[in-house]
PDB file of all heavy atoms in Angstrom:
ATOM      1  N   SER A   1       4.434  -6.744   1.316  1.00  0.00           N
ATOM      2  CA  SER A   1       5.893  -7.134   1.530  1.00  0.00           C
ATOM      3  C   SER A   1       6.602  -7.455   0.244  1.00  0.00           C
ATOM      4  O   SER A   1       5.987  -7.773  -0.773  1.00  0.00           O
ATOM      5  CB  SER A   1       5.980  -8.247   2.487  1.00  0.00           C
ATOM      6  OG  SER A   1       5.384  -9.454   1.839  1.00  0.00           O
ATOM      7  N   SER A   2       7.881  -7.348   0.319  1.00  0.00           N
ATOM      8  CA  SER A   2       8.819  -7.802  -0.740  1.00  0.00           C
ATOM      9  C   SER A   2       9.996  -8.522  -0.156  1.00  0.00           C
ATOM     10  O   SER A   2      10.379  -8.292   0.939  1.00  0.00           O
ATOM     11  CB  SER A   2       9.286  -6.526  -1.507  1.00  0.00           C
ATOM     12  OG  SER A   2      10.275  -6.869  -2.444  1.00  0.00           O
ATOM     13  N   ARG A   3      10.560  -9.377  -0.999  1.00  0.00           N
ATOM     14  CA  ARG A   3      11.771 -10.115  -0.540  1.00  0.00           C
ATOM     15  C   ARG A   3      12.997  -9.336  -0.801  1.00  0.00           C
ATOM     16  O   ARG A   3      14.081  -9.786  -0.684  1.00  0.00           O
ATOM     17  CB  ARG A   3      11.860 -11.412  -1.319  1.00  0.00           C
ATOM     18  CG  ARG A   3      10.791 -12.374  -1.008  1.00  0.00           C
ATOM     19  CD  ARG A   3      11.033 -13.769  -1.474  1.00  0.00           C
ATOM     20  NE  ARG A   3      12.168 -14.262  -0.684  1.00  0.00           N
ATOM     21  CZ  ARG A   3      12.731 -15.346  -0.948  1.00  0.00           C
ATOM     22  NH1 ARG A   3      12.360 -16.151  -1.908  1.00  0.00           N
ATOM     23  NH2 ARG A   3      13.829 -15.794  -0.237  1.00  0.00           N
ATOM     24  N   GLY A   4      12.848  -7.973  -1.007  1.00  0.00           N
ATOM     25  CA  GLY A   4      14.079  -7.155  -1.171  1.00  0.00           C
ATOM     26  C   GLY A   4      14.201  -6.546  -2.510  1.00  0.00           C
ATOM     27  O   GLY A   4      15.036  -5.629  -2.746  1.00  0.00           O
ATOM     28  N   GLU A   5      13.452  -6.992  -3.506  1.00  0.00           N
ATOM     29  CA  GLU A   5      13.532  -6.461  -4.860  1.00  0.00           C
ATOM     30  C   GLU A   5      12.428  -5.449  -5.038  1.00  0.00           C
ATOM     31  O   GLU A   5      11.715  -5.455  -6.038  1.00  0.00           O
ATOM     32  CB  GLU A   5      13.412  -7.581  -5.898  1.00  0.00           C
ATOM     33  CG  GLU A   5      14.389  -8.738  -5.732  1.00  0.00           C
ATOM     34  CD  GLU A   5      13.824  -9.849  -4.821  1.00  0.00           C
ATOM     35  OE1 GLU A   5      12.618  -9.865  -4.511  1.00  0.00           O
ATOM     36  OE2 GLU A   5      14.589 -10.770  -4.468  1.00  0.00           O
ATOM     37  N   SER A   6      12.271  -4.604  -4.025  1.00  0.00           N
ATOM     38  CA  SER A   6      11.006  -3.737  -3.988  1.00  0.00           C
ATOM     39  C   SER A   6      10.966  -2.838  -5.227  1.00  0.00           C
ATOM     40  O   SER A   6       9.880  -2.446  -5.620  1.00  0.00           O
ATOM     41  CB  SER A   6      11.051  -2.934  -2.667  1.00  0.00           C
ATOM     42  OG  SER A   6      12.182  -2.084  -2.611  1.00  0.00           O
ATOM     43  N   LEU A   7      12.076  -2.498  -5.849  1.00  0.00           N
ATOM     44  CA  LEU A   7      11.954  -1.603  -6.994  1.00  0.00           C
ATOM     45  C   LEU A   7      11.490  -2.244  -8.211  1.00  0.00           C
ATOM     46  O   LEU A   7      10.939  -1.631  -9.116  1.00  0.00           O
ATOM     47  CB  LEU A   7      13.294  -0.893  -7.245  1.00  0.00           C
ATOM     48  CG  LEU A   7      13.885  -0.076  -6.166  1.00  0.00           C
ATOM     49  CD1 LEU A   7      15.290   0.462  -6.513  1.00  0.00           C
ATOM     50  CD2 LEU A   7      12.946   1.101  -5.872  1.00  0.00           C
ATOM     51  N   VAL A   8      11.520  -3.614  -8.261  1.00  0.00           N
ATOM     52  CA  VAL A   8      11.096  -4.301  -9.426  1.00  0.00           C
ATOM     53  C   VAL A   8       9.936  -5.257  -9.095  1.00  0.00           C
ATOM     54  O   VAL A   8       9.415  -6.048  -9.955  1.00  0.00           O
ATOM     55  CB  VAL A   8      12.182  -5.137 -10.086  1.00  0.00           C
ATOM     56  CG1 VAL A   8      13.218  -4.093 -10.681  1.00  0.00           C
ATOM     57  CG2 VAL A   8      12.901  -6.021  -9.173  1.00  0.00           C
ATOM     58  N   ASP A   9       9.620  -5.415  -7.818  1.00  0.00           N
ATOM     59  CA  ASP A   9       8.598  -6.381  -7.332  1.00  0.00           C
ATOM     60  C   ASP A   9       7.239  -5.742  -7.542  1.00  0.00           C
ATOM     61  O   ASP A   9       6.876  -4.820  -6.807  1.00  0.00           O
ATOM     62  CB  ASP A   9       8.825  -6.759  -5.903  1.00  0.00           C
ATOM     63  CG  ASP A   9       8.001  -7.851  -5.346  1.00  0.00           C
ATOM     64  OD1 ASP A   9       6.915  -8.139  -6.077  1.00  0.00           O
ATOM     65  OD2 ASP A   9       8.215  -8.339  -4.283  1.00  0.00           O
ATOM     66  N   LYS A  10       6.403  -6.273  -8.518  1.00  0.00           N
ATOM     67  CA  LYS A  10       5.126  -5.736  -8.738  1.00  0.00           C
ATOM     68  C   LYS A  10       4.110  -5.940  -7.650  1.00  0.00           C
ATOM     69  O   LYS A  10       3.056  -5.341  -7.608  1.00  0.00           O
ATOM     70  CB  LYS A  10       4.561  -6.363 -10.077  1.00  0.00           C
ATOM     71  CG  LYS A  10       5.378  -5.917 -11.278  1.00  0.00           C
ATOM     72  CD  LYS A  10       4.882  -6.519 -12.528  1.00  0.00           C
ATOM     73  CE  LYS A  10       5.779  -6.030 -13.689  1.00  0.00           C
ATOM     74  NZ  LYS A  10       5.400  -6.614 -14.940  1.00  0.00           N
ATOM     75  N   ARG A  11       4.458  -6.802  -6.683  1.00  0.00           N
ATOM     76  CA  ARG A  11       3.553  -7.028  -5.553  1.00  0.00           C
ATOM     77  C   ARG A  11       3.768  -5.992  -4.439  1.00  0.00           C
ATOM     78  O   ARG A  11       2.967  -5.828  -3.580  1.00  0.00           O
ATOM     79  CB  ARG A  11       3.815  -8.411  -5.005  1.00  0.00           C
ATOM     80  CG  ARG A  11       3.518  -9.575  -5.898  1.00  0.00           C
ATOM     81  CD  ARG A  11       4.098 -10.828  -5.447  1.00  0.00           C
ATOM     82  NE  ARG A  11       5.602 -10.582  -5.351  1.00  0.00           N
ATOM     83  CZ  ARG A  11       6.438 -11.492  -5.063  1.00  0.00           C
ATOM     84  NH1 ARG A  11       6.005 -12.794  -4.821  1.00  0.00           N
ATOM     85  NH2 ARG A  11       7.672 -11.263  -5.059  1.00  0.00           N
ATOM     86  N   PHE A  12       4.859  -5.247  -4.629  1.00  0.00           N
ATOM     87  CA  PHE A  12       5.128  -4.134  -3.586  1.00  0.00           C
ATOM     88  C   PHE A  12       4.424  -2.872  -4.082  1.00  0.00           C
ATOM     89  O   PHE A  12       4.591  -2.370  -5.092  1.00  0.00           O
ATOM     90  CB  PHE A  12       6.643  -3.885  -3.491  1.00  0.00           C
ATOM     91  CG  PHE A  12       7.118  -3.276  -2.212  1.00  0.00           C
ATOM     92  CD1 PHE A  12       6.967  -3.940  -1.036  1.00  0.00           C
ATOM     93  CD2 PHE A  12       7.593  -2.006  -2.247  1.00  0.00           C
ATOM     94  CE1 PHE A  12       7.357  -3.401   0.146  1.00  0.00           C
ATOM     95  CE2 PHE A  12       7.999  -1.448  -1.065  1.00  0.00           C
ATOM     96  CZ  PHE A  12       7.901  -2.081   0.169  1.00  0.00           C
ATOM     97  N   ALA A  13       3.564  -2.400  -3.197  1.00  0.00           N
ATOM     98  CA  ALA A  13       2.712  -1.244  -3.562  1.00  0.00           C
ATOM     99  C   ALA A  13       3.497   0.037  -3.623  1.00  0.00           C
ATOM    100  O   ALA A  13       4.363   0.309  -2.770  1.00  0.00           O
ATOM    101  CB  ALA A  13       1.635  -1.009  -2.424  1.00  0.00           C
ATOM    102  N   SER A  14       3.318   0.778  -4.677  1.00  0.00           N
ATOM    103  CA  SER A  14       3.968   2.060  -4.810  1.00  0.00           C
ATOM    104  C   SER A  14       3.412   3.142  -3.953  1.00  0.00           C
ATOM    105  O   SER A  14       2.401   2.855  -3.238  1.00  0.00           O
ATOM    106  CB  SER A  14       3.794   2.521  -6.309  1.00  0.00           C
ATOM    107  OG  SER A  14       2.414   2.909  -6.513  1.00  0.00           O
ATOM    108  N   GLY A  15       4.071   4.247  -3.828  1.00  0.00           N
ATOM    109  CA  GLY A  15       3.609   5.345  -2.993  1.00  0.00           C
ATOM    110  C   GLY A  15       2.072   5.697  -3.276  1.00  0.00           C
ATOM    111  O   GLY A  15       1.318   5.877  -2.380  1.00  0.00           O
ATOM    112  N   THR A  16       1.796   5.823  -4.529  1.00  0.00           N
ATOM    113  CA  THR A  16       0.390   6.224  -4.993  1.00  0.00           C
ATOM    114  C   THR A  16      -0.585   5.136  -4.554  1.00  0.00           C
ATOM    115  O   THR A  16      -1.676   5.341  -4.067  1.00  0.00           O
ATOM    116  CB  THR A  16       0.312   6.478  -6.503  1.00  0.00           C
ATOM    117  OG1 THR A  16       1.316   7.399  -6.736  1.00  0.00           O
ATOM    118  CG2 THR A  16      -1.020   6.870  -6.892  1.00  0.00           C
ATOM    119  N   GLU A  17      -0.184   3.898  -4.780  1.00  0.00           N
ATOM    120  CA  GLU A  17      -1.096   2.722  -4.445  1.00  0.00           C
ATOM    121  C   GLU A  17      -1.308   2.635  -2.928  1.00  0.00           C
ATOM    122  O   GLU A  17      -2.399   2.425  -2.512  1.00  0.00           O
ATOM    123  CB  GLU A  17      -0.483   1.401  -4.939  1.00  0.00           C
ATOM    124  CG  GLU A  17      -0.539   1.263  -6.441  1.00  0.00           C
ATOM    125  CD  GLU A  17       0.422   0.258  -7.030  1.00  0.00           C
ATOM    126  OE1 GLU A  17       1.385  -0.140  -6.342  1.00  0.00           O
ATOM    127  OE2 GLU A  17       0.101  -0.236  -8.153  1.00  0.00           O
ATOM    128  N   TRP A  18      -0.232   2.785  -2.195  1.00  0.00           N
ATOM    129  CA  TRP A  18      -0.300   2.716  -0.729  1.00  0.00           C
ATOM    130  C   TRP A  18      -1.114   3.916  -0.186  1.00  0.00           C
ATOM    131  O   TRP A  18      -1.902   3.695   0.747  1.00  0.00           O
ATOM    132  CB  TRP A  18       1.151   2.768  -0.165  1.00  0.00           C
ATOM    133  CG  TRP A  18       1.379   2.084   1.110  1.00  0.00           C
ATOM    134  CD1 TRP A  18       2.138   2.583   2.131  1.00  0.00           C
ATOM    135  CD2 TRP A  18       0.985   0.765   1.556  1.00  0.00           C
ATOM    136  NE1 TRP A  18       2.181   1.677   3.186  1.00  0.00           N
ATOM    137  CE2 TRP A  18       1.443   0.496   2.798  1.00  0.00           C
ATOM    138  CE3 TRP A  18       0.151  -0.236   0.955  1.00  0.00           C
ATOM    139  CZ2 TRP A  18       1.183  -0.589   3.543  1.00  0.00           C
ATOM    140  CZ3 TRP A  18      -0.094  -1.338   1.674  1.00  0.00           C
ATOM    141  CH2 TRP A  18       0.415  -1.559   2.947  1.00  0.00           C
ATOM    142  N   GLN A  19      -1.045   5.085  -0.793  1.00  0.00           N
ATOM    143  CA  GLN A  19      -1.802   6.192  -0.370  1.00  0.00           C
ATOM    144  C   GLN A  19      -3.276   5.885  -0.613  1.00  0.00           C
ATOM    145  O   GLN A  19      -4.155   6.290   0.214  1.00  0.00           O
ATOM    146  CB  GLN A  19      -1.380   7.430  -1.118  1.00  0.00           C
ATOM    147  CG  GLN A  19      -2.204   8.691  -0.724  1.00  0.00           C
ATOM    148  CD  GLN A  19      -2.038   9.121   0.746  1.00  0.00           C
ATOM    149  OE1 GLN A  19      -0.913   8.924   1.292  1.00  0.00           O
ATOM    150  NE2 GLN A  19      -3.082   9.714   1.322  1.00  0.00           N
ATOM    151  N   SER A  20      -3.574   5.241  -1.706  1.00  0.00           N
ATOM    152  CA  SER A  20      -4.994   4.951  -2.011  1.00  0.00           C
ATOM    153  C   SER A  20      -5.582   3.942  -0.988  1.00  0.00           C
ATOM    154  O   SER A  20      -6.759   4.050  -0.518  1.00  0.00           O
ATOM    155  CB  SER A  20      -5.029   4.186  -3.391  1.00  0.00           C
ATOM    156  OG  SER A  20      -6.367   3.786  -3.685  1.00  0.00           O
ATOM    157  N   VAL A  21      -4.748   3.018  -0.460  1.00  0.00           N
ATOM    158  CA  VAL A  21      -5.150   2.030   0.525  1.00  0.00           C
ATOM    159  C   VAL A  21      -5.372   2.841   1.834  1.00  0.00           C
ATOM    160  O   VAL A  21      -6.422   2.642   2.453  1.00  0.00           O
ATOM    161  CB  VAL A  21      -4.039   0.992   0.791  1.00  0.00           C
ATOM    162  CG1 VAL A  21      -4.346   0.146   2.062  1.00  0.00           C
ATOM    163  CG2 VAL A  21      -3.964   0.056  -0.444  1.00  0.00           C
ATOM    164  N   GLU A  22      -4.487   3.731   2.155  1.00  0.00           N
ATOM    165  CA  GLU A  22      -4.735   4.538   3.375  1.00  0.00           C
ATOM    166  C   GLU A  22      -6.032   5.361   3.285  1.00  0.00           C
ATOM    167  O   GLU A  22      -6.826   5.473   4.253  1.00  0.00           O
ATOM    168  CB  GLU A  22      -3.533   5.568   3.565  1.00  0.00           C
ATOM    169  CG  GLU A  22      -3.696   6.542   4.636  1.00  0.00           C
ATOM    170  CD  GLU A  22      -3.681   5.942   6.045  1.00  0.00           C
ATOM    171  OE1 GLU A  22      -2.924   5.046   6.294  1.00  0.00           O
ATOM    172  OE2 GLU A  22      -4.526   6.417   6.863  1.00  0.00           O
ATOM    173  N   GLU A  23      -6.347   5.916   2.157  1.00  0.00           N
ATOM    174  CA  GLU A  23      -7.555   6.700   2.038  1.00  0.00           C
ATOM    175  C   GLU A  23      -8.829   5.791   2.163  1.00  0.00           C
ATOM    176  O   GLU A  23      -9.734   6.264   2.770  1.00  0.00           O
ATOM    177  CB  GLU A  23      -7.556   7.440   0.637  1.00  0.00           C
ATOM    178  CG  GLU A  23      -6.548   8.571   0.575  1.00  0.00           C
ATOM    179  CD  GLU A  23      -6.346   9.109  -0.812  1.00  0.00           C
ATOM    180  OE1 GLU A  23      -6.943   8.619  -1.827  1.00  0.00           O
ATOM    181  OE2 GLU A  23      -5.474  10.016  -0.906  1.00  0.00           O
ATOM    182  N   ARG A  24      -8.729   4.669   1.532  1.00  0.00           N
ATOM    183  CA  ARG A  24      -9.887   3.664   1.662  1.00  0.00           C
ATOM    184  C   ARG A  24     -10.109   3.289   3.113  1.00  0.00           C
ATOM    185  O   ARG A  24     -11.282   3.202   3.551  1.00  0.00           O
ATOM    186  CB  ARG A  24      -9.563   2.506   0.764  1.00  0.00           C
ATOM    187  CG  ARG A  24     -10.619   1.329   0.903  1.00  0.00           C
ATOM    188  CD  ARG A  24     -11.969   1.847   0.501  1.00  0.00           C
ATOM    189  NE  ARG A  24     -12.963   0.819   0.664  1.00  0.00           N
ATOM    190  CZ  ARG A  24     -13.869   0.788   1.702  1.00  0.00           C
ATOM    191  NH1 ARG A  24     -13.866   1.784   2.635  1.00  0.00           N
ATOM    192  NH2 ARG A  24     -14.761  -0.146   1.843  1.00  0.00           N
ATOM    193  N   LEU A  25      -9.007   3.009   3.840  1.00  0.00           N
ATOM    194  CA  LEU A  25      -9.126   2.717   5.228  1.00  0.00           C
ATOM    195  C   LEU A  25      -9.660   3.811   6.101  1.00  0.00           C
ATOM    196  O   LEU A  25     -10.515   3.597   6.931  1.00  0.00           O
ATOM    197  CB  LEU A  25      -7.824   2.090   5.781  1.00  0.00           C
ATOM    198  CG  LEU A  25      -7.361   0.787   5.295  1.00  0.00           C
ATOM    199  CD1 LEU A  25      -5.832   0.619   5.481  1.00  0.00           C
ATOM    200  CD2 LEU A  25      -8.206  -0.297   5.824  1.00  0.00           C
ATOM    201  N   THR A  26      -9.176   5.022   5.870  1.00  0.00           N
ATOM    202  CA  THR A  26      -9.652   6.157   6.632  1.00  0.00           C
ATOM    203  C   THR A  26     -11.113   6.409   6.402  1.00  0.00           C
ATOM    204  O   THR A  26     -11.897   6.617   7.321  1.00  0.00           O
ATOM    205  CB  THR A  26      -8.865   7.382   6.168  1.00  0.00           C
ATOM    206  OG1 THR A  26      -7.471   7.181   6.550  1.00  0.00           O
ATOM    207  CG2 THR A  26      -9.374   8.610   6.991  1.00  0.00           C
ATOM    208  N   ALA A  27     -11.503   6.179   5.104  1.00  0.00           N
ATOM    209  CA  ALA A  27     -12.973   6.381   4.743  1.00  0.00           C
ATOM    210  C   ALA A  27     -13.864   5.336   5.437  1.00  0.00           C
ATOM    211  O   ALA A  27     -15.042   5.645   5.778  1.00  0.00           O
ATOM    212  CB  ALA A  27     -13.124   6.349   3.285  1.00  0.00           C
ATOM    213  N   SER A  28     -13.312   4.213   5.655  1.00  0.00           N
ATOM    214  CA  SER A  28     -14.072   3.098   6.268  1.00  0.00           C
ATOM    215  C   SER A  28     -14.355   3.323   7.735  1.00  0.00           C
ATOM    216  O   SER A  28     -15.193   2.731   8.359  1.00  0.00           O
ATOM    217  CB  SER A  28     -13.379   1.740   6.089  1.00  0.00           C
ATOM    218  OG  SER A  28     -12.268   1.610   6.974  1.00  0.00           O
ATOM    219  N   GLY A  29     -13.472   4.076   8.379  1.00  0.00           N
ATOM    220  CA  GLY A  29     -13.626   4.337   9.827  1.00  0.00           C
ATOM    221  C   GLY A  29     -13.008   3.240  10.669  1.00  0.00           C
ATOM    222  O   GLY A  29     -13.000   3.258  11.926  1.00  0.00           O
ATOM    223  N   VAL A  30     -12.331   2.249  10.053  1.00  0.00           N
ATOM    224  CA  VAL A  30     -11.684   1.165  10.771  1.00  0.00           C
ATOM    225  C   VAL A  30     -10.350   1.563  11.351  1.00  0.00           C
ATOM    226  O   VAL A  30      -9.504   2.282  10.627  1.00  0.00           O
ATOM    227  CB  VAL A  30     -11.466  -0.105   9.817  1.00  0.00           C
ATOM    228  CG1 VAL A  30     -10.589  -1.129  10.374  1.00  0.00           C
ATOM    229  CG2 VAL A  30     -12.792  -0.664   9.322  1.00  0.00           C
ATOM    230  N   GLU A  31     -10.109   1.278  12.576  1.00  0.00           N
ATOM    231  CA  GLU A  31      -8.758   1.463  13.143  1.00  0.00           C
ATOM    232  C   GLU A  31      -7.832   0.565  12.389  1.00  0.00           C
ATOM    233  O   GLU A  31      -8.087  -0.610  12.177  1.00  0.00           O
ATOM    234  CB  GLU A  31      -8.675   1.057  14.683  1.00  0.00           C
ATOM    235  CG  GLU A  31      -7.456   1.288  15.248  1.00  0.00           C
ATOM    236  CD  GLU A  31      -7.422   0.745  16.737  1.00  0.00           C
ATOM    237  OE1 GLU A  31      -8.478   0.368  17.273  1.00  0.00           O
ATOM    238  OE2 GLU A  31      -6.263   0.617  17.260  1.00  0.00           O
ATOM    239  N   HIS A  32      -6.745   1.175  11.915  1.00  0.00           N
ATOM    240  CA  HIS A  32      -5.825   0.372  11.097  1.00  0.00           C
ATOM    241  C   HIS A  32      -4.392   0.725  11.224  1.00  0.00           C
ATOM    242  O   HIS A  32      -4.072   1.804  11.783  1.00  0.00           O
ATOM    243  CB  HIS A  32      -6.261   0.609   9.597  1.00  0.00           C
ATOM    244  CG  HIS A  32      -6.152   2.067   9.160  1.00  0.00           C
ATOM    245  ND1 HIS A  32      -7.181   2.919   9.336  1.00  0.00           N
ATOM    246  CD2 HIS A  32      -5.219   2.680   8.510  1.00  0.00           C
ATOM    247  CE1 HIS A  32      -6.832   4.148   8.884  1.00  0.00           C
ATOM    248  NE2 HIS A  32      -5.648   4.005   8.370  1.00  0.00           N
TER     249      HIS A  32
END
């Protein structure tokens, strides 16, 4: 999440980072 400053909020995952999370979850077999 971000408080609205998503373009400058380093805690907000970029598209590449978010894709990496999706790939990790898919590999784990966990419903997510």
